[in-house]
């Protein structure tokens, strides 16, 4: 093997890699150009300002669940925040049954949540 053949191989390798990287860079520029022409920024919805709400005394007696009213209030606020301010009422709060995994429950509930949104 002659040293000239080795240098020719290195030269062809460098030229080949340069062509590949130049083509990838050109493809990237084409994609950025298409993004600039066709992509529209989604409109971000801003939450309406909440008016000052005066506290209303609770008129419902706590359920037989034995949960403190502060926990029930925290769960109700979390549900309201999750629903994005849509009207809804927390009817009952109960624990998952013994031996039930939260993952199993999430798998059962997920298809219904996807329909709601």
Protein backbone atom coordinates (compact mmCIF):
# COMPACT_ATOMS: atom_id res chain seq x y z
CA UNK A 1 0.00 0.00 0.00
CA UNK A 2 1.39 3.28 -1.04
CA UNK A 3 1.18 6.39 1.17
CA UNK A 4 -0.53 8.26 -1.70
CA UNK A 5 -3.42 5.77 -1.61
CA UNK A 6 -3.79 6.34 2.13
CA UNK A 7 -3.92 10.12 1.68
CA UNK A 8 -6.44 9.66 -1.15
CA UNK A 9 -8.66 7.60 1.21
CA UNK A 10 -8.46 10.23 3.94
CA UNK A 11 -9.20 12.96 1.40
CA UNK A 12 -12.28 11.12 0.04
CA UNK A 13 -13.52 10.47 3.61
CA UNK A 14 -13.20 14.14 4.56
CA UNK A 15 -14.91 15.30 1.37
CA UNK A 16 -17.73 12.76 1.86
CA UNK A 17 -18.32 13.79 5.47
CA UNK A 18 -18.22 17.47 4.47
CA UNK A 19 -20.86 16.88 1.79
CA UNK A 20 -23.10 15.02 4.27
CA UNK A 21 -22.84 17.73 6.93
CA UNK A 22 -23.40 20.48 4.36
CA UNK A 23 -26.54 18.69 3.14
CA UNK A 24 -27.81 18.31 6.71
CA UNK A 25 -27.18 22.00 7.40
CA UNK A 26 -29.01 22.97 4.20
CA UNK A 27 -31.94 20.75 5.20
CA UNK A 28 -32.03 22.40 8.61
CA UNK A 29 -32.14 25.85 7.02
CA UNK A 30 -35.00 24.76 4.73
CA UNK A 31 -36.93 23.53 7.76
CA UNK A 32 -36.37 26.81 9.65
CA UNK A 33 -37.52 28.69 6.57
CA UNK A 34 -40.69 26.61 6.35
CA UNK A 35 -41.34 27.21 10.04
CA UNK A 36 -41.06 30.94 9.47
CA UNK A 37 -43.50 30.82 6.57
CA UNK A 38 -46.15 28.40 7.81
CA UNK A 39 -46.04 28.20 11.62
CA UNK A 40 -48.36 30.37 13.65
CA UNK A 41 -47.87 30.85 17.37
CA UNK A 42 -50.81 29.45 19.34
CA UNK A 43 -52.89 32.03 21.13
CA UNK A 44 -52.31 31.72 24.83
CA UNK A 45 -55.52 32.07 26.77
CA UNK A 46 -55.16 34.18 29.84
CA UNK A 47 -57.20 33.37 32.89
CA UNK A 48 -59.75 36.01 33.76
CA UNK A 49 -58.97 38.05 36.85
CA UNK A 50 -60.69 36.65 39.89
CA UNK A 51 -62.89 39.05 41.74
CA UNK A 52 -62.66 39.23 45.49
CA UNK A 53 -64.98 36.59 46.90
CA UNK A 54 -66.32 36.83 50.39
CA UNK A 55 -66.21 33.59 52.36
CA UNK A 56 -69.54 31.84 52.66
CA UNK A 57 -70.22 29.89 55.82
CA UNK A 58 -70.54 26.16 55.24
CA UNK A 59 -74.15 25.04 55.30
CA UNK A 60 -73.48 21.37 54.60
CA UNK A 61 -72.60 19.07 57.44
CA UNK A 62 -69.43 17.01 56.93
CA UNK A 63 -70.03 13.53 55.59
CA UNK A 64 -69.58 10.38 57.62
CA UNK A 65 -66.14 9.91 56.08
CA UNK A 66 -64.47 11.45 59.11
CA UNK A 67 -62.26 13.66 56.97
CA UNK A 68 -61.49 17.11 58.36
CA UNK A 69 -63.32 19.94 56.67
CA UNK A 70 -60.00 21.61 55.78
CA UNK A 71 -58.99 18.51 53.77
CA UNK A 72 -62.36 18.49 52.00
CA UNK A 73 -61.96 22.19 51.18
CA UNK A 74 -58.44 21.60 49.84
CA UNK A 75 -59.65 18.76 47.63
CA UNK A 76 -62.53 20.90 46.36
CA UNK A 77 -60.15 23.73 45.44
CA UNK A 78 -57.82 21.29 43.67
CA UNK A 79 -60.71 19.85 41.66
CA UNK A 80 -61.90 23.34 40.71
CA UNK A 81 -58.40 24.33 39.61
CA UNK A 82 -58.01 21.11 37.61
CA UNK A 83 -61.30 21.71 35.82
CA UNK A 84 -60.16 25.19 34.77
CA UNK A 85 -62.97 27.05 36.46
CA UNK A 86 -65.74 25.05 34.79
CA UNK A 87 -68.74 24.53 37.06
CA UNK A 88 -68.67 21.34 39.05
CA UNK A 89 -69.43 20.07 42.51
CA UNK A 90 -67.53 17.63 44.68
CA UNK A 91 -70.23 15.18 45.63
CA UNK A 92 -68.27 12.68 47.66
CA UNK A 93 -64.71 12.00 48.70
CA UNK A 94 -63.62 8.47 49.42
CA UNK A 95 -60.44 6.51 49.53
CA UNK A 96 -59.58 3.91 46.96
CA UNK A 97 -60.29 0.43 48.24
CA UNK A 98 -57.67 -1.58 50.10
CA UNK A 99 -55.16 -3.14 47.73
CA UNK A 100 -56.10 -0.80 44.89
CA UNK A 101 -53.16 0.81 43.20
CA UNK A 102 -53.34 4.49 42.25
CA UNK A 103 -51.87 3.44 38.89
CA UNK A 104 -54.81 1.10 38.26
CA UNK A 105 -57.23 3.87 39.11
CA UNK A 106 -55.43 6.31 36.81
CA UNK A 107 -55.58 3.79 33.97
CA UNK A 108 -59.34 3.44 34.43
CA UNK A 109 -59.99 7.18 34.61
CA UNK A 110 -57.67 8.35 31.77
CA UNK A 111 -59.98 7.48 28.83
CA UNK A 112 -62.81 9.50 30.35
CA UNK A 113 -60.58 12.49 31.03
CA UNK A 114 -59.45 12.50 27.40
CA UNK A 115 -63.07 12.75 26.27
CA UNK A 116 -63.75 15.66 28.56
CA UNK A 117 -61.06 17.94 27.16
